[in-house]
Amino acid sequence: MFELKKKGDQFHFVLKSGNGQVILSSEMYNTKAAAKNGIASVQKNCGDDKCFEKKEAKNGKFHFNLKSTNGQIIGSSQMYAAEAGVKTGIESVRKNAPSAEIKEVE
C-alpha cells in the first residue's frame, strides 16, 4: 500500500509491503497532485531494471533508488546491512507497487 502523508505544507509517500514495512520513500512534493504523480511514476517504472540504482553508503550499508526514465529519483529504500537486502527490496517494490492502493493518512 502507498501511504500519502502531508507534512507541514508538503506531501510525500511511502510504499509498504504486506507486513507493513516501508520499502520505498519519496521526496517531498509541493502539492498532493504532484505526490500522486510520483506514485504513478513508481507504478510505471518499477518493472524496468534500468530504473533501479543500487548504491553502497560510506558506512558499508546498501540501498537503492528508483528513478524515472528521465533520471529523476522517485523513491529511495531504507538501508540494508547486506547487498542481498537490496535485491529483496527491489523485488518487493516490483511485487507490491503496481497494484498497491493509495491510503491518505494524517
Protein backbone atom coordinates (compact mmCIF):
# COMPACT_ATOMS: atom_id res chain seq x y z
CA MET A 1 0.00 0.00 0.00
CA PHE A 2 1.09 3.55 -0.66
CA GLU A 3 0.61 5.91 2.26
CA LEU A 4 0.27 9.53 1.18
CA LYS A 5 1.07 11.94 4.01
CA LYS A 6 1.02 15.69 4.49
CA LYS A 7 3.92 17.17 6.43
CA GLY A 8 3.56 20.88 7.02
CA ASP A 9 2.53 22.26 3.66
CA GLN A 10 4.17 19.49 1.63
CA PHE A 11 3.35 15.88 0.74
CA HIS A 12 5.28 12.64 0.48
CA PHE A 13 4.54 8.95 0.19
CA VAL A 14 5.89 5.62 1.32
CA LEU A 15 5.32 2.19 -0.17
CA LYS A 16 4.73 -0.51 2.41
CA SER A 17 4.99 -4.26 1.94
CA GLY A 18 2.29 -6.68 3.07
CA ASN A 19 3.85 -6.86 6.54
CA GLY A 20 3.74 -3.08 6.95
CA GLN A 21 7.47 -2.47 6.43
CA VAL A 22 8.41 0.66 4.47
CA ILE A 23 10.23 -0.40 1.30
CA LEU A 24 10.34 2.92 -0.58
CA SER A 25 10.11 6.58 0.49
CA SER A 26 9.59 9.59 -1.74
CA GLU A 27 10.96 13.09 -1.77
CA MET A 28 8.77 15.96 -0.58
CA TYR A 29 6.26 17.41 -3.07
CA ASN A 30 4.61 20.85 -3.03
CA THR A 31 1.16 19.50 -3.90
CA LYS A 32 -0.87 16.36 -3.33
CA ALA A 33 -1.32 16.03 -7.09
CA ALA A 34 2.46 16.01 -7.60
CA ALA A 35 2.84 13.30 -4.94
CA LYS A 36 0.15 11.23 -6.66
CA ASN A 37 2.04 11.67 -9.94
CA GLY A 38 5.12 10.35 -8.11
CA ILE A 39 3.16 7.26 -7.07
CA ALA A 40 2.03 6.74 -10.67
CA SER A 41 5.66 7.04 -11.77
CA VAL A 42 6.72 4.36 -9.26
CA GLN A 43 4.00 2.08 -10.61
CA LYS A 44 5.07 2.76 -14.20
CA ASN A 45 8.84 2.42 -13.73
CA CYS A 46 9.19 -0.35 -11.13
CA GLY A 47 9.19 -3.07 -13.78
CA ASP A 48 12.26 -1.70 -15.59
CA ASP A 49 15.66 -2.90 -14.30
CA LYS A 50 17.33 0.23 -15.70
CA CYS A 51 15.29 2.41 -13.33
CA PHE A 52 16.81 0.86 -10.20
CA GLU A 53 20.11 2.26 -8.98
CA LYS A 54 21.90 0.13 -6.38
CA LYS A 55 24.26 2.00 -4.06
CA GLU A 56 26.64 1.41 -1.18
CA ALA A 57 26.81 4.06 1.53
CA LYS A 58 30.03 5.22 3.17
CA ASN A 59 29.11 3.21 6.27
CA GLY A 60 29.10 -0.02 4.23
CA LYS A 61 25.32 -0.41 4.14
CA PHE A 62 23.37 -0.81 0.92
CA HIS A 63 20.31 0.91 -0.55
CA PHE A 64 18.64 1.65 -3.85
CA ASN A 65 16.91 4.47 -5.68
CA LEU A 66 14.08 4.10 -8.15
CA LYS A 67 14.45 6.61 -10.97
CA SER A 68 12.08 7.74 -13.69
CA THR A 69 13.11 7.39 -17.32
CA ASN A 70 14.46 10.98 -17.22
CA GLY A 71 16.82 10.02 -14.37
CA GLN A 72 14.99 11.79 -11.54
CA ILE A 73 14.83 9.88 -8.25
CA ILE A 74 11.23 8.92 -7.47
CA GLY A 75 11.89 6.98 -4.29
CA SER A 76 14.65 5.63 -2.07
CA SER A 77 14.88 2.48 0.02
CA GLN A 78 15.90 2.01 3.59
CA MET A 79 19.47 0.97 4.41
CA TYR A 80 20.25 -2.74 4.32
CA ALA A 81 23.12 -4.46 6.17
CA ALA A 82 23.79 -6.80 3.25
CA GLU A 83 23.65 -6.34 -0.50
CA ALA A 84 21.14 -9.21 -0.67
CA GLY A 85 18.66 -6.95 1.14
CA VAL A 86 18.70 -4.58 -1.84
CA LYS A 87 17.66 -7.39 -4.18
CA THR A 88 14.85 -8.39 -1.82
CA GLY A 89 13.72 -4.76 -1.51
CA ILE A 90 13.65 -4.25 -5.28
CA GLU A 91 11.64 -7.44 -5.74
CA SER A 92 9.20 -6.24 -3.07
CA VAL A 93 8.72 -2.91 -4.89
CA ARG A 94 8.13 -4.78 -8.15
CA LYS A 95 5.60 -7.07 -6.49
CA ASN A 96 3.73 -4.50 -4.38
CA ALA A 97 3.78 -1.20 -6.28
CA PRO A 98 1.83 -1.91 -9.49
CA SER A 99 -1.45 -2.78 -7.77
CA ALA A 100 -0.98 -1.04 -4.42
CA GLU A 101 -3.85 1.04 -3.16
CA ILE A 102 -3.27 4.63 -2.05
CA LYS A 103 -4.24 5.49 1.51
CA GLU A 104 -4.15 9.09 2.68
CA VAL A 105 -3.02 9.36 6.30
CA GLU A 106 -2.94 12.32 8.61
